[in-house]
N, C-alpha and C. Protein backbone atom coordinates (compact mmCIF):
# COMPACT_ATOMS: atom_id res chain seq x y z
N MET A 1 93.25 126.18 115.38
CA MET A 1 94.19 125.70 114.46
C MET A 1 94.31 124.33 114.02
N ILE A 2 94.40 123.59 112.85
CA ILE A 2 94.56 122.36 112.62
C ILE A 2 96.00 122.03 112.65
N ALA A 3 96.02 121.24 113.87
CA ALA A 3 97.69 120.62 114.32
C ALA A 3 98.37 120.17 113.29
N ILE A 4 97.73 119.39 112.44
CA ILE A 4 98.65 118.67 111.14
C ILE A 4 98.85 119.65 110.12
N TYR A 5 98.63 120.81 110.22
CA TYR A 5 98.60 121.92 109.12
C TYR A 5 99.70 121.60 108.30
N PHE A 6 99.75 121.08 108.02
CA PHE A 6 99.46 119.67 107.96
C PHE A 6 100.85 118.75 107.52
N ILE A 7 100.75 117.74 108.21
CA ILE A 7 101.91 116.99 107.64
C ILE A 7 101.91 116.79 106.18
N ALA A 8 100.55 116.58 105.55
CA ALA A 8 100.40 116.15 104.22
C ALA A 8 100.86 117.54 103.36
N SER A 9 100.37 118.52 103.78
CA SER A 9 100.82 119.85 103.10
C SER A 9 102.38 119.88 103.28
N MET A 10 102.89 119.79 104.34
CA MET A 10 104.42 119.96 104.29
C MET A 10 105.11 118.98 103.33
N TYR A 11 104.72 117.52 103.57
CA TYR A 11 105.33 116.68 102.70
C TYR A 11 105.09 117.06 101.29
N TYR A 12 104.07 117.51 100.83
CA TYR A 12 103.50 117.69 99.65
C TYR A 12 104.23 118.62 98.87
N LEU A 13 104.58 119.91 99.78
CA LEU A 13 105.21 121.09 99.50
C LEU A 13 106.69 120.72 99.47
N ILE A 14 107.18 119.80 100.13
CA ILE A 14 108.65 119.54 100.04
C ILE A 14 108.70 118.64 98.68
N LEU A 15 107.93 117.59 98.52
CA LEU A 15 107.94 116.94 97.32
C LEU A 15 107.97 117.80 96.18
N ILE A 16 106.68 118.66 95.86
CA ILE A 16 106.63 119.48 94.92
C ILE A 16 107.56 120.58 94.52
N ASP A 17 107.93 121.22 95.58
CA ASP A 17 108.80 122.33 95.52
C ASP A 17 110.01 122.09 96.23
N MET A 18 110.78 120.91 96.26
CA MET A 18 111.80 120.56 96.82
C MET A 18 112.97 121.36 96.33
N LYS A 19 113.18 121.41 95.16
CA LYS A 19 114.42 122.24 94.47
C LYS A 19 114.00 123.78 94.69
N LYS A 20 112.79 124.23 94.73
CA LYS A 20 112.44 125.59 94.73
C LYS A 20 112.90 126.25 96.24
N LYS A 21 112.44 125.28 97.05
CA LYS A 21 112.64 125.74 98.48
C LYS A 21 113.99 125.11 99.19
N ASN A 22 114.81 124.72 98.11
CA ASN A 22 116.09 124.23 98.60
C ASN A 22 116.00 123.05 99.65
N TYR A 23 114.95 122.41 99.39
CA TYR A 23 114.93 120.78 100.30
C TYR A 23 115.65 120.04 99.60
N THR A 24 116.50 119.14 100.10
CA THR A 24 117.15 118.01 99.81
C THR A 24 116.52 116.83 99.77
N ARG A 25 116.80 115.96 98.67
CA ARG A 25 116.35 114.37 98.77
C ARG A 25 116.30 113.85 100.12
N GLU A 26 117.50 114.06 100.95
CA GLU A 26 117.97 113.66 102.21
C GLU A 26 116.95 114.19 103.04
N GLN A 27 116.49 115.33 103.00
CA GLN A 27 115.76 116.05 104.13
C GLN A 27 114.09 115.35 103.98
N PHE A 28 113.91 115.32 102.65
CA PHE A 28 112.60 114.65 102.34
C PHE A 28 112.42 113.19 103.01
N ASP A 29 113.51 112.41 102.82
CA ASP A 29 113.80 111.16 103.19
C ASP A 29 113.88 111.02 104.68
N LYS A 30 114.42 111.81 105.32
CA LYS A 30 114.26 112.00 106.78
C LYS A 30 113.02 112.32 107.36
N LEU A 31 112.10 113.11 106.67
CA LEU A 31 110.53 113.34 107.28
C LEU A 31 109.91 112.15 107.16
N MET A 32 110.18 111.60 105.80
CA MET A 32 109.43 110.42 105.55
C MET A 32 110.08 109.24 106.54
N HIS A 33 111.10 109.22 107.14
CA HIS A 33 111.51 108.07 108.08
C HIS A 33 110.96 108.17 109.33
N ASP A 34 110.80 109.44 109.73
CA ASP A 34 110.20 109.89 111.11
C ASP A 34 108.65 109.52 110.89
N TYR A 35 107.96 109.65 109.72
CA TYR A 35 106.58 109.47 109.77
C TYR A 35 106.75 107.73 109.73
N LYS A 36 107.43 107.11 109.09
CA LYS A 36 107.38 105.67 109.00
C LYS A 36 107.52 105.08 110.54
N THR A 37 108.54 105.66 111.19
CA THR A 37 108.89 105.25 112.57
C THR A 37 107.97 105.71 113.59
N GLY A 38 106.98 106.75 113.30
CA GLY A 38 106.01 107.16 114.11
C GLY A 38 106.50 108.26 114.92
N LYS A 39 107.76 108.88 114.66
CA LYS A 39 108.27 110.14 115.25
C LYS A 39 107.33 111.25 114.84
N LYS A 40 106.72 111.19 113.69
CA LYS A 40 105.96 112.29 112.94
C LYS A 40 104.63 111.59 112.62
N GLY A 41 103.65 111.97 112.95
CA GLY A 41 102.25 111.37 112.30
C GLY A 41 101.25 112.23 112.32
N ILE A 42 99.85 111.79 112.08
CA ILE A 42 98.71 112.69 112.18
C ILE A 42 98.14 112.91 113.31
N GLN A 43 98.06 114.12 113.56
CA GLN A 43 97.73 114.43 115.05
C GLN A 43 95.97 114.03 115.33
N PRO A 44 95.70 113.53 116.58
CA PRO A 44 94.39 113.29 116.87
C PRO A 44 93.37 114.52 116.55
N GLY A 45 92.18 114.00 116.31
CA GLY A 45 91.32 115.31 116.48
C GLY A 45 90.57 115.56 114.79
N HIS A 46 91.05 114.93 114.05
CA HIS A 46 90.51 115.13 112.72
C HIS A 46 89.67 114.05 112.29
N PRO A 47 88.49 114.12 111.60
CA PRO A 47 87.67 113.01 111.18
C PRO A 47 88.26 112.06 110.57
N ASP A 48 87.81 110.74 110.74
CA ASP A 48 88.45 109.57 110.37
C ASP A 48 88.69 109.54 108.71
N GLU A 49 87.81 110.18 108.10
CA GLU A 49 87.75 110.29 106.63
C GLU A 49 89.17 111.22 106.23
N ILE A 50 89.29 112.07 106.81
CA ILE A 50 90.40 112.97 106.63
C ILE A 50 91.82 112.08 106.88
N LYS A 51 91.60 111.67 108.10
CA LYS A 51 92.79 110.71 108.72
C LYS A 51 93.18 109.68 107.69
N LEU A 52 92.31 109.00 106.92
CA LEU A 52 92.48 108.01 105.98
C LEU A 52 93.19 108.75 104.64
N ALA A 53 92.64 109.78 104.24
CA ALA A 53 93.00 110.29 103.03
C ALA A 53 94.36 110.77 103.14
N ILE A 54 94.62 111.51 104.42
CA ILE A 54 96.15 111.78 104.85
C ILE A 54 96.92 110.60 104.80
N LYS A 55 96.53 109.51 105.62
CA LYS A 55 97.41 108.43 105.68
C LYS A 55 97.78 107.84 104.30
N THR A 56 96.61 107.54 103.44
CA THR A 56 96.85 107.18 102.13
C THR A 56 98.01 108.06 101.32
N PHE A 57 97.78 109.22 101.50
CA PHE A 57 98.84 110.27 100.66
C PHE A 57 100.17 109.95 101.27
N LEU A 58 100.31 110.12 102.47
CA LEU A 58 101.59 109.79 103.14
C LEU A 58 102.23 108.31 102.87
N ASP A 59 101.46 107.56 102.81
CA ASP A 59 101.89 106.06 102.65
C ASP A 59 102.56 106.32 101.32
N PHE A 60 101.87 106.70 100.18
CA PHE A 60 102.37 106.88 98.76
C PHE A 60 103.66 107.67 99.00
N SER A 61 103.66 108.81 99.67
CA SER A 61 105.05 109.40 99.98
C SER A 61 106.12 108.72 100.44
N LEU A 62 105.69 107.75 101.19
CA LEU A 62 106.72 106.87 101.82
C LEU A 62 107.28 106.24 100.64
N ILE A 63 106.40 105.59 99.77
CA ILE A 63 106.99 104.88 98.63
C ILE A 63 108.00 105.57 97.87
N LEU A 64 107.72 106.85 97.69
CA LEU A 64 108.89 107.60 96.81
C LEU A 64 110.12 107.52 97.44
N THR A 65 110.23 107.24 98.85
CA THR A 65 111.67 107.25 99.43
C THR A 65 112.38 105.80 99.32
N GLU A 66 111.33 104.69 99.21
CA GLU A 66 111.70 103.55 99.08
C GLU A 66 112.11 103.06 97.71
N TYR A 67 111.37 103.63 96.71
CA TYR A 67 111.71 103.33 95.29
C TYR A 67 111.94 104.84 94.62
N PRO A 68 113.12 105.26 94.43
CA PRO A 68 113.70 106.67 93.98
C PRO A 68 113.15 106.61 92.49
N GLU A 69 113.02 105.75 91.82
CA GLU A 69 112.55 105.60 90.31
C GLU A 69 111.06 106.20 90.14
N ILE A 70 110.42 105.97 91.25
CA ILE A 70 108.96 106.68 91.22
C ILE A 70 109.08 108.25 91.42
N ASP A 71 108.83 109.02 90.87
CA ASP A 71 108.95 110.43 91.05
C ASP A 71 107.55 111.11 91.20
N HIS A 72 106.32 110.49 91.57
CA HIS A 72 105.01 111.15 91.85
C HIS A 72 104.19 110.29 92.36
N ILE A 73 103.10 110.91 93.09
CA ILE A 73 102.08 110.07 93.68
C ILE A 73 101.05 110.19 92.66
N PRO A 74 100.31 108.81 92.66
CA PRO A 74 99.22 108.91 91.80
C PRO A 74 98.20 109.80 91.81
N SER A 75 97.99 110.17 90.54
CA SER A 75 96.57 111.25 90.61
C SER A 75 95.49 111.10 91.35
N GLU A 76 95.18 109.54 91.47
CA GLU A 76 93.97 109.16 92.20
C GLU A 76 94.02 109.34 93.70
N VAL A 77 95.43 109.54 94.06
CA VAL A 77 95.46 109.63 95.58
C VAL A 77 95.26 111.19 95.93
N ILE A 78 95.77 112.00 95.06
CA ILE A 78 95.64 113.36 95.29
C ILE A 78 94.39 113.71 94.89
N THR A 79 93.60 113.17 94.12
CA THR A 79 92.17 113.42 93.64
C THR A 79 91.25 113.11 95.04
N SER A 80 91.62 111.97 95.69
CA SER A 80 91.02 111.74 96.81
C SER A 80 91.11 112.48 98.07
N LEU A 81 92.27 113.02 98.14
CA LEU A 81 93.00 113.86 99.15
C LEU A 81 92.10 115.14 99.16
N LEU A 82 91.89 115.58 97.86
CA LEU A 82 91.23 116.95 97.83
C LEU A 82 90.04 116.65 97.94
N GLU A 83 89.28 115.75 97.17
CA GLU A 83 87.70 115.65 97.31
C GLU A 83 87.38 115.32 98.93
N THR A 84 88.34 114.70 99.62
CA THR A 84 87.86 114.46 101.06
C THR A 84 88.00 115.72 101.68
N LEU A 85 89.12 116.79 101.39
CA LEU A 85 89.14 117.71 102.26
C LEU A 85 87.99 118.64 101.95
N CYS A 86 87.65 118.86 100.74
CA CYS A 86 86.54 119.58 100.12
C CYS A 86 85.20 119.40 101.06
N LYS A 87 85.28 118.58 101.60
CA LYS A 87 84.00 118.08 102.31
C LYS A 87 84.07 118.67 103.65
N TYR A 88 85.12 119.40 104.10
CA TYR A 88 85.07 119.91 105.47
C TYR A 88 85.68 121.12 105.26
N PRO A 89 84.77 122.43 105.61
CA PRO A 89 85.20 123.80 105.28
C PRO A 89 86.29 124.14 106.07
N GLU A 90 86.59 123.36 107.32
CA GLU A 90 87.70 123.90 108.23
C GLU A 90 88.98 123.55 107.53
N TYR A 91 88.95 122.77 106.57
CA TYR A 91 90.21 122.43 105.77
C TYR A 91 90.39 123.27 104.43
N ASN A 92 89.38 124.41 104.39
CA ASN A 92 89.54 125.03 102.90
C ASN A 92 90.86 125.38 102.51
N LYS A 93 91.44 126.22 103.50
CA LYS A 93 92.80 126.83 103.29
C LYS A 93 93.84 125.90 102.72
N LEU A 94 93.83 124.69 103.26
CA LEU A 94 94.86 123.94 102.91
C LEU A 94 94.43 123.13 101.53
N THR A 95 93.26 122.79 101.15
CA THR A 95 92.60 122.54 99.99
C THR A 95 93.03 123.35 99.11
N LEU A 96 92.93 124.81 99.23
CA LEU A 96 93.24 125.82 98.24
C LEU A 96 94.62 126.21 97.92
N GLU A 97 95.48 125.82 99.07
CA GLU A 97 96.93 125.72 98.74
C GLU A 97 97.46 124.68 97.87
N LEU A 98 96.81 123.45 98.06
CA LEU A 98 97.08 122.12 97.32
C LEU A 98 96.94 122.49 96.17
N VAL A 99 95.63 123.01 95.65
CA VAL A 99 95.25 123.23 94.37
C VAL A 99 96.01 124.01 93.71
N ASP A 100 96.41 125.19 94.31
CA ASP A 100 97.44 126.29 93.94
C ASP A 100 98.72 125.57 93.50
N ILE A 101 99.05 124.81 94.14
CA ILE A 101 100.47 123.85 93.94
C ILE A 101 100.31 123.06 92.63
N LEU A 102 99.19 122.52 92.59
CA LEU A 102 99.14 121.57 91.37
C LEU A 102 98.88 122.55 90.20
N ASN A 103 98.26 123.77 90.32
CA ASN A 103 97.95 124.54 89.18
C ASN A 103 99.53 125.16 88.69
N ARG A 104 100.15 125.32 89.54
CA ARG A 104 101.67 125.86 89.30
C ARG A 104 102.65 125.00 88.54
N GLU A 105 102.20 123.67 88.91
CA GLU A 105 103.11 122.48 88.26
C GLU A 105 102.84 122.08 86.80
N ARG A 106 101.38 122.65 86.52
CA ARG A 106 100.94 122.24 84.97
C ARG A 106 102.10 122.58 84.03
């Protein structure tokens, strides 16, 4: 099992489906604070390319907590994350779930 299954997926789901799943902005902010302070993070054992894509995604998620007027992660970051995940078959489930979320939000 992919241990981080994923902080990225979790944060992304919280961000996209925050209201649908009854998450508050405060809960999202706490999760991001835990990431910023190192309490939560990317588990070891992932390819460097995956770690970098997830870290970039999470860093932009962190920006959302610091600048509430920004309400989305740039599409380039999402595209990079998905393209990177697609290179690794073991991340297929996560990739498909993220694509499904994006399709629902159209």
